[in-house]
Amino acid sequence: SLYAEKTIAGYGLEGYRMAILEAARKYKK
């Protein structure tokens, strides 16, 4: 967390989907 721009915790496996969607919004080329 000292490097990560965001931590998603406590959402079960759905947290992976949340991270993928957010990363895509932010870093789509």
PDB file of all heavy atoms in Angstrom:
ATOM      1  N   SER A   1       0.818  -1.222   0.000  1.00  0.00           N
ATOM      2  CA  SER A   1       0.000   0.000   0.000  1.00  0.00           C
ATOM      3  C   SER A   1       0.847   1.265   0.000  1.00  0.00           C
ATOM      4  O   SER A   1       0.360   2.341  -0.366  1.00  0.00           O
ATOM      5  CB  SER A   1      -0.955   0.012   1.190  1.00  0.00           C
ATOM      6  OG  SER A   1      -0.252   0.253   2.394  1.00  0.00           O
ATOM      7  N   LEU A   2       2.119   1.147   0.375  1.00  0.00           N
ATOM      8  CA  LEU A   2       2.999   2.311   0.341  1.00  0.00           C
ATOM      9  C   LEU A   2       3.301   2.745  -1.095  1.00  0.00           C
ATOM     10  O   LEU A   2       3.729   3.877  -1.324  1.00  0.00           O
ATOM     11  CB  LEU A   2       4.307   2.013   1.080  1.00  0.00           C
ATOM     12  CG  LEU A   2       4.153   1.675   2.570  1.00  0.00           C
ATOM     13  CD1 LEU A   2       5.503   1.276   3.160  1.00  0.00           C
ATOM     14  CD2 LEU A   2       3.543   2.844   3.321  1.00  0.00           C
ATOM     15  N   TYR A   3       3.075   1.841  -2.056  1.00  0.00           N
ATOM     16  CA  TYR A   3       3.283   2.171  -3.469  1.00  0.00           C
ATOM     17  C   TYR A   3       1.979   2.169  -4.273  1.00  0.00           C
ATOM     18  O   TYR A   3       1.794   3.001  -5.158  1.00  0.00           O
ATOM     19  CB  TYR A   3       4.276   1.198  -4.119  1.00  0.00           C
ATOM     20  CG  TYR A   3       4.433   1.475  -5.595  1.00  0.00           C
ATOM     21  CD1 TYR A   3       5.186   2.557  -6.025  1.00  0.00           C
ATOM     22  CD2 TYR A   3       3.791   0.695  -6.548  1.00  0.00           C
ATOM     23  CE1 TYR A   3       5.302   2.851  -7.369  1.00  0.00           C
ATOM     24  CE2 TYR A   3       3.904   0.980  -7.898  1.00  0.00           C
ATOM     25  CZ  TYR A   3       4.657   2.056  -8.305  1.00  0.00           C
ATOM     26  OH  TYR A   3       4.763   2.345  -9.637  1.00  0.00           O
ATOM     27  N   ALA A   4       1.098   1.244  -3.980  1.00  0.00           N
ATOM     28  CA  ALA A   4      -0.131   1.100  -4.780  1.00  0.00           C
ATOM     29  C   ALA A   4      -0.939   2.387  -4.772  1.00  0.00           C
ATOM     30  O   ALA A   4      -1.050   3.058  -3.745  1.00  0.00           O
ATOM     31  CB  ALA A   4      -0.969  -0.050  -4.238  1.00  0.00           C
ATOM     32  N   GLU A   5      -1.505   2.704  -5.916  1.00  0.00           N
ATOM     33  CA  GLU A   5      -2.321   3.911  -5.949  1.00  0.00           C
ATOM     34  C   GLU A   5      -3.684   3.691  -5.334  1.00  0.00           C
ATOM     35  O   GLU A   5      -4.351   4.654  -4.938  1.00  0.00           O
ATOM     36  CB  GLU A   5      -2.435   4.480  -7.354  1.00  0.00           C
ATOM     37  CG  GLU A   5      -3.129   3.626  -8.365  1.00  0.00           C
ATOM     38  CD  GLU A   5      -3.098   4.307  -9.716  1.00  0.00           C
ATOM     39  OE1 GLU A   5      -2.036   4.319 -10.336  1.00  0.00           O
ATOM     40  OE2 GLU A   5      -4.136   4.832 -10.129  1.00  0.00           O
ATOM     41  N   LYS A   6      -4.103   2.435  -5.202  1.00  0.00           N
ATOM     42  CA  LYS A   6      -5.373   2.152  -4.549  1.00  0.00           C
ATOM     43  C   LYS A   6      -5.336   0.732  -4.005  1.00  0.00           C
ATOM     44  O   LYS A   6      -4.799  -0.168  -4.633  1.00  0.00           O
ATOM     45  CB  LYS A   6      -6.539   2.302  -5.522  1.00  0.00           C
ATOM     46  CG  LYS A   6      -7.881   2.083  -4.864  1.00  0.00           C
ATOM     47  CD  LYS A   6      -9.012   2.590  -5.693  1.00  0.00           C
ATOM     48  CE  LYS A   6     -10.289   2.533  -4.860  1.00  0.00           C
ATOM     49  NZ  LYS A   6     -11.389   3.141  -5.556  1.00  0.00           N
ATOM     50  N   THR A   7      -5.959   0.558  -2.840  1.00  0.00           N
ATOM     51  CA  THR A   7      -6.157  -0.763  -2.255  1.00  0.00           C
ATOM     52  C   THR A   7      -7.646  -1.035  -2.203  1.00  0.00           C
ATOM     53  O   THR A   7      -8.419  -0.206  -1.714  1.00  0.00           O
ATOM     54  CB  THR A   7      -5.559  -0.834  -0.839  1.00  0.00           C
ATOM     55  OG1 THR A   7      -4.151  -0.606  -0.919  1.00  0.00           O
ATOM     56  CG2 THR A   7      -5.819  -2.193  -0.202  1.00  0.00           C
ATOM     57  N   ILE A   8      -8.039  -2.190  -2.729  1.00  0.00           N
ATOM     58  CA  ILE A   8      -9.433  -2.624  -2.706  1.00  0.00           C
ATOM     59  C   ILE A   8      -9.474  -3.872  -1.827  1.00  0.00           C
ATOM     60  O   ILE A   8      -8.874  -4.889  -2.172  1.00  0.00           O
ATOM     61  CB  ILE A   8      -9.953  -2.915  -4.131  1.00  0.00           C
ATOM     62  CG1 ILE A   8      -9.893  -1.636  -4.970  1.00  0.00           C
ATOM     63  CG2 ILE A   8     -11.369  -3.496  -4.075  1.00  0.00           C
ATOM     64  CD1 ILE A   8     -10.166  -1.835  -6.439  1.00  0.00           C
ATOM     65  N   ALA A   9     -10.158  -3.780  -0.692  1.00  0.00           N
ATOM     66  CA  ALA A   9     -10.159  -4.884   0.269  1.00  0.00           C
ATOM     67  C   ALA A   9     -11.553  -5.115   0.824  1.00  0.00           C
ATOM     68  O   ALA A   9     -12.305  -4.162   1.052  1.00  0.00           O
ATOM     69  CB  ALA A   9      -9.190  -4.583   1.408  1.00  0.00           C
ATOM     70  N   GLY A  10     -11.869  -6.388   1.022  1.00  0.00           N
ATOM     71  CA  GLY A  10     -13.110  -6.737   1.689  1.00  0.00           C
ATOM     72  C   GLY A  10     -14.298  -6.965   0.782  1.00  0.00           C
ATOM     73  O   GLY A  10     -15.414  -7.144   1.262  1.00  0.00           O
ATOM     74  N   TYR A  11     -14.083  -7.000  -0.517  1.00  0.00           N
ATOM     75  CA  TYR A  11     -15.176  -7.200  -1.470  1.00  0.00           C
ATOM     76  C   TYR A  11     -15.178  -8.607  -2.063  1.00  0.00           C
ATOM     77  O   TYR A  11     -15.812  -8.856  -3.087  1.00  0.00           O
ATOM     78  CB  TYR A  11     -15.106  -6.166  -2.599  1.00  0.00           C
ATOM     79  CG  TYR A  11     -15.381  -4.775  -2.115  1.00  0.00           C
ATOM     80  CD1 TYR A  11     -14.340  -3.926  -1.762  1.00  0.00           C
ATOM     81  CD2 TYR A  11     -16.686  -4.303  -1.979  1.00  0.00           C
ATOM     82  CE1 TYR A  11     -14.581  -2.637  -1.307  1.00  0.00           C
ATOM     83  CE2 TYR A  11     -16.938  -3.015  -1.523  1.00  0.00           C
ATOM     84  CZ  TYR A  11     -15.880  -2.196  -1.193  1.00  0.00           C
ATOM     85  OH  TYR A  11     -16.129  -0.926  -0.733  1.00  0.00           O
ATOM     86  N   GLY A  12     -14.442  -9.519  -1.454  1.00  0.00           N
ATOM     87  CA  GLY A  12     -14.352 -10.873  -1.988  1.00  0.00           C
ATOM     88  C   GLY A  12     -13.656 -10.859  -3.337  1.00  0.00           C
ATOM     89  O   GLY A  12     -12.861  -9.956  -3.642  1.00  0.00           O
ATOM     90  N   LEU A  13     -13.965 -11.833  -4.144  1.00  0.00           N
ATOM     91  CA  LEU A  13     -13.335 -11.928  -5.468  1.00  0.00           C
ATOM     92  C   LEU A  13     -13.748 -10.769  -6.367  1.00  0.00           C
ATOM     93  O   LEU A  13     -13.022 -10.421  -7.301  1.00  0.00           O
ATOM     94  CB  LEU A  13     -13.676 -13.266  -6.125  1.00  0.00           C
ATOM     95  CG  LEU A  13     -13.239 -14.514  -5.350  1.00  0.00           C
ATOM     96  CD1 LEU A  13     -13.557 -15.774  -6.151  1.00  0.00           C
ATOM     97  CD2 LEU A  13     -11.781 -14.463  -4.969  1.00  0.00           C
ATOM     98  N   GLU A  14     -14.871 -10.157  -6.087  1.00  0.00           N
ATOM     99  CA  GLU A  14     -15.339  -8.997  -6.859  1.00  0.00           C
ATOM    100  C   GLU A  14     -14.319  -7.861  -6.833  1.00  0.00           C
ATOM    101  O   GLU A  14     -14.262  -7.031  -7.738  1.00  0.00           O
ATOM    102  CB  GLU A  14     -16.694  -8.522  -6.321  1.00  0.00           C
ATOM    103  CG  GLU A  14     -17.280  -7.341  -7.047  1.00  0.00           C
ATOM    104  CD  GLU A  14     -17.645  -7.600  -8.513  1.00  0.00           C
ATOM    105  OE1 GLU A  14     -17.747  -8.761  -8.926  1.00  0.00           O
ATOM    106  OE2 GLU A  14     -17.812  -6.605  -9.243  1.00  0.00           O
ATOM    107  N   GLY A  15     -13.475  -7.825  -5.809  1.00  0.00           N
ATOM    108  CA  GLY A  15     -12.439  -6.801  -5.725  1.00  0.00           C
ATOM    109  C   GLY A  15     -11.506  -6.818  -6.930  1.00  0.00           C
ATOM    110  O   GLY A  15     -11.026  -5.762  -7.364  1.00  0.00           O
ATOM    111  N   TYR A  16     -11.254  -7.990  -7.490  1.00  0.00           N
ATOM    112  CA  TYR A  16     -10.417  -8.075  -8.692  1.00  0.00           C
ATOM    113  C   TYR A  16     -11.101  -7.383  -9.865  1.00  0.00           C
ATOM    114  O   TYR A  16     -10.481  -6.620 -10.597  1.00  0.00           O
ATOM    115  CB  TYR A  16     -10.152  -9.538  -9.064  1.00  0.00           C
ATOM    116  CG  TYR A  16      -9.212 -10.254  -8.138  1.00  0.00           C
ATOM    117  CD1 TYR A  16      -9.669 -10.854  -6.979  1.00  0.00           C
ATOM    118  CD2 TYR A  16      -7.859 -10.348  -8.431  1.00  0.00           C
ATOM    119  CE1 TYR A  16      -8.815 -11.520  -6.125  1.00  0.00           C
ATOM    120  CE2 TYR A  16      -6.994 -11.014  -7.600  1.00  0.00           C
ATOM    121  CZ  TYR A  16      -7.469 -11.600  -6.440  1.00  0.00           C
ATOM    122  OH  TYR A  16      -6.616 -12.255  -5.605  1.00  0.00           O
ATOM    123  N   ARG A  17     -12.382  -7.647 -10.029  1.00  0.00           N
ATOM    124  CA  ARG A  17     -13.141  -7.007 -11.106  1.00  0.00           C
ATOM    125  C   ARG A  17     -13.151  -5.493 -10.922  1.00  0.00           C
ATOM    126  O   ARG A  17     -12.952  -4.742 -11.873  1.00  0.00           O
ATOM    127  CB  ARG A  17     -14.565  -7.554 -11.139  1.00  0.00           C
ATOM    128  CG  ARG A  17     -15.387  -7.062 -12.295  1.00  0.00           C
ATOM    129  CD  ARG A  17     -16.758  -7.776 -12.325  1.00  0.00           C
ATOM    130  NE  ARG A  17     -17.510  -7.336 -13.450  1.00  0.00           N
ATOM    131  CZ  ARG A  17     -18.143  -6.166 -13.535  1.00  0.00           C
ATOM    132  NH1 ARG A  17     -18.099  -5.314 -12.530  1.00  0.00           N
ATOM    133  NH2 ARG A  17     -18.800  -5.830 -14.623  1.00  0.00           N
ATOM    134  N   MET A  18     -13.346  -5.053  -9.697  1.00  0.00           N
ATOM    135  CA  MET A  18     -13.340  -3.623  -9.408  1.00  0.00           C
ATOM    136  C   MET A  18     -11.999  -2.995  -9.782  1.00  0.00           C
ATOM    137  O   MET A  18     -11.959  -1.920 -10.387  1.00  0.00           O
ATOM    138  CB  MET A  18     -13.648  -3.398  -7.924  1.00  0.00           C
ATOM    139  CG  MET A  18     -15.049  -3.815  -7.522  1.00  0.00           C
ATOM    140  SD  MET A  18     -15.283  -3.935  -5.723  1.00  0.00           S
ATOM    141  CE  MET A  18     -15.112  -2.227  -5.253  1.00  0.00           C
ATOM    142  N   ALA A  19     -10.910  -3.671  -9.445  1.00  0.00           N
ATOM    143  CA  ALA A  19      -9.574  -3.149  -9.770  1.00  0.00           C
ATOM    144  C   ALA A  19      -9.360  -3.110 -11.275  1.00  0.00           C
ATOM    145  O   ALA A  19      -8.815  -2.132 -11.804  1.00  0.00           O
ATOM    146  CB  ALA A  19      -8.504  -4.002  -9.100  1.00  0.00           C
ATOM    147  N   ILE A  20      -9.778  -4.138 -11.980  1.00  0.00           N
ATOM    148  CA  ILE A  20      -9.620  -4.188 -13.444  1.00  0.00           C
ATOM    149  C   ILE A  20     -10.411  -3.054 -14.101  1.00  0.00           C
ATOM    150  O   ILE A  20      -9.891  -2.345 -14.969  1.00  0.00           O
ATOM    151  CB  ILE A  20     -10.048  -5.561 -13.990  1.00  0.00           C
ATOM    152  CG1 ILE A  20      -9.020  -6.629 -13.572  1.00  0.00           C
ATOM    153  CG2 ILE A  20     -10.222  -5.532 -15.509  1.00  0.00           C
ATOM    154  CD1 ILE A  20      -9.507  -8.058 -13.714  1.00  0.00           C
ATOM    155  N   LEU A  21     -11.648  -2.863 -13.676  1.00  0.00           N
ATOM    156  CA  LEU A  21     -12.473  -1.798 -14.269  1.00  0.00           C
ATOM    157  C   LEU A  21     -11.890  -0.420 -13.988  1.00  0.00           C
ATOM    158  O   LEU A  21     -11.836   0.436 -14.883  1.00  0.00           O
ATOM    159  CB  LEU A  21     -13.914  -1.892 -13.756  1.00  0.00           C
ATOM    160  CG  LEU A  21     -14.693  -3.152 -14.134  1.00  0.00           C
ATOM    161  CD1 LEU A  21     -16.080  -3.136 -13.511  1.00  0.00           C
ATOM    162  CD2 LEU A  21     -14.769  -3.334 -15.633  1.00  0.00           C
ATOM    163  N   GLU A  22     -11.435  -0.201 -12.769  1.00  0.00           N
ATOM    164  CA  GLU A  22     -10.865   1.102 -12.429  1.00  0.00           C
ATOM    165  C   GLU A  22      -9.559   1.340 -13.172  1.00  0.00           C
ATOM    166  O   GLU A  22      -9.299   2.436 -13.677  1.00  0.00           O
ATOM    167  CB  GLU A  22     -10.659   1.240 -10.928  1.00  0.00           C
ATOM    168  CG  GLU A  22     -10.220   2.630 -10.563  1.00  0.00           C
ATOM    169  CD  GLU A  22     -10.471   2.986  -9.126  1.00  0.00           C
ATOM    170  OE1 GLU A  22     -11.288   2.335  -8.459  1.00  0.00           O
ATOM    171  OE2 GLU A  22      -9.832   3.950  -8.676  1.00  0.00           O
ATOM    172  N   ALA A  23      -8.717   0.325 -13.233  1.00  0.00           N
ATOM    173  CA  ALA A  23      -7.440   0.454 -13.963  1.00  0.00           C
ATOM    174  C   ALA A  23      -7.709   0.728 -15.446  1.00  0.00           C
ATOM    175  O   ALA A  23      -7.014   1.554 -16.055  1.00  0.00           O
ATOM    176  CB  ALA A  23      -6.603  -0.802 -13.790  1.00  0.00           C
ATOM    177  N   ALA A  24      -8.695   0.067 -16.005  1.00  0.00           N
ATOM    178  CA  ALA A  24      -9.012   0.292 -17.422  1.00  0.00           C
ATOM    179  C   ALA A  24      -9.481   1.718 -17.663  1.00  0.00           C
ATOM    180  O   ALA A  24      -9.098   2.352 -18.643  1.00  0.00           O
ATOM    181  CB  ALA A  24     -10.080  -0.698 -17.874  1.00  0.00           C
ATOM    182  N   ARG A  25     -10.310   2.228 -16.775  1.00  0.00           N
ATOM    183  CA  ARG A  25     -10.776   3.620 -16.922  1.00  0.00           C
ATOM    184  C   ARG A  25      -9.604   4.578 -16.862  1.00  0.00           C
ATOM    185  O   ARG A  25      -9.542   5.557 -17.597  1.00  0.00           O
ATOM    186  CB  ARG A  25     -11.768   3.961 -15.815  1.00  0.00           C
ATOM    187  CG  ARG A  25     -13.184   3.534 -16.084  1.00  0.00           C
ATOM    188  CD  ARG A  25     -14.179   4.156 -15.119  1.00  0.00           C
ATOM    189  NE  ARG A  25     -13.948   3.766 -13.734  1.00  0.00           N
ATOM    190  CZ  ARG A  25     -14.442   2.676 -13.165  1.00  0.00           C
ATOM    191  NH1 ARG A  25     -15.181   1.851 -13.856  1.00  0.00           N
ATOM    192  NH2 ARG A  25     -14.175   2.413 -11.893  1.00  0.00           N
ATOM    193  N   LYS A  26      -8.678   4.293 -15.990  1.00  0.00           N
ATOM    194  CA  LYS A  26      -7.573   5.223 -15.751  1.00  0.00           C
ATOM    195  C   LYS A  26      -6.449   5.105 -16.794  1.00  0.00           C
ATOM    196  O   LYS A  26      -5.830   6.091 -17.139  1.00  0.00           O
ATOM    197  CB  LYS A  26      -7.010   4.990 -14.365  1.00  0.00           C
ATOM    198  CG  LYS A  26      -6.115   6.091 -13.893  1.00  0.00           C
ATOM    199  CD  LYS A  26      -5.993   6.100 -12.403  1.00  0.00           C
ATOM    200  CE  LYS A  26      -5.254   7.342 -12.007  1.00  0.00           C
ATOM    201  NZ  LYS A  26      -5.083   7.468 -10.585  1.00  0.00           N
ATOM    202  N   TYR A  27      -6.199   3.893 -17.279  1.00  0.00           N
ATOM    203  CA  TYR A  27      -5.019   3.672 -18.119  1.00  0.00           C
ATOM    204  C   TYR A  27      -5.318   3.189 -19.520  1.00  0.00           C
ATOM    205  O   TYR A  27      -4.428   2.717 -20.213  1.00  0.00           O
ATOM    206  CB  TYR A  27      -4.063   2.706 -17.407  1.00  0.00           C
ATOM    207  CG  TYR A  27      -3.570   3.300 -16.122  1.00  0.00           C
ATOM    208  CD1 TYR A  27      -4.041   2.855 -14.900  1.00  0.00           C
ATOM    209  CD2 TYR A  27      -2.682   4.361 -16.141  1.00  0.00           C
ATOM    210  CE1 TYR A  27      -3.635   3.440 -13.719  1.00  0.00           C
ATOM    211  CE2 TYR A  27      -2.260   4.954 -14.963  1.00  0.00           C
ATOM    212  CZ  TYR A  27      -2.740   4.483 -13.768  1.00  0.00           C
ATOM    213  OH  TYR A  27      -2.344   5.087 -12.609  1.00  0.00           O
ATOM    214  N   LYS A  28      -6.550   3.323 -19.970  1.00  0.00           N
ATOM    215  CA  LYS A  28      -6.903   2.893 -21.327  1.00  0.00           C
ATOM    216  C   LYS A  28      -6.111   3.705 -22.341  1.00  0.00           C
ATOM    217  O   LYS A  28      -6.034   4.908 -22.264  1.00  0.00           O
ATOM    218  CB  LYS A  28      -8.391   3.046 -21.569  1.00  0.00           C
ATOM    219  CG  LYS A  28      -8.826   2.350 -22.834  1.00  0.00           C
ATOM    220  CD  LYS A  28     -10.293   2.077 -22.837  1.00  0.00           C
ATOM    221  CE  LYS A  28     -10.578   1.159 -24.000  1.00  0.00           C
ATOM    222  NZ  LYS A  28     -11.746   0.385 -23.828  1.00  0.00           N
ATOM    223  N   LYS A  29      -5.521   2.987 -23.272  1.00  0.00           N
ATOM    224  CA  LYS A  29      -4.703   3.652 -24.315  1.00  0.00           C
ATOM    225  C   LYS A  29      -5.440   3.680 -25.621  1.00  0.00           C
ATOM    226  O   LYS A  29      -6.232   2.866 -25.939  1.00  0.00           O
ATOM    227  CB  LYS A  29      -3.377   2.912 -24.492  1.00  0.00           C
ATOM    228  CG  LYS A  29      -2.475   3.095 -23.316  1.00  0.00           C
ATOM    229  CD  LYS A  29      -1.148   2.461 -23.596  1.00  0.00           C
ATOM    230  CE  LYS A  29      -0.178   2.771 -22.495  1.00  0.00           C
ATOM    231  NZ  LYS A  29       1.153   2.324 -22.747  1.00  0.00           N
TER     232      LYS A  29
END
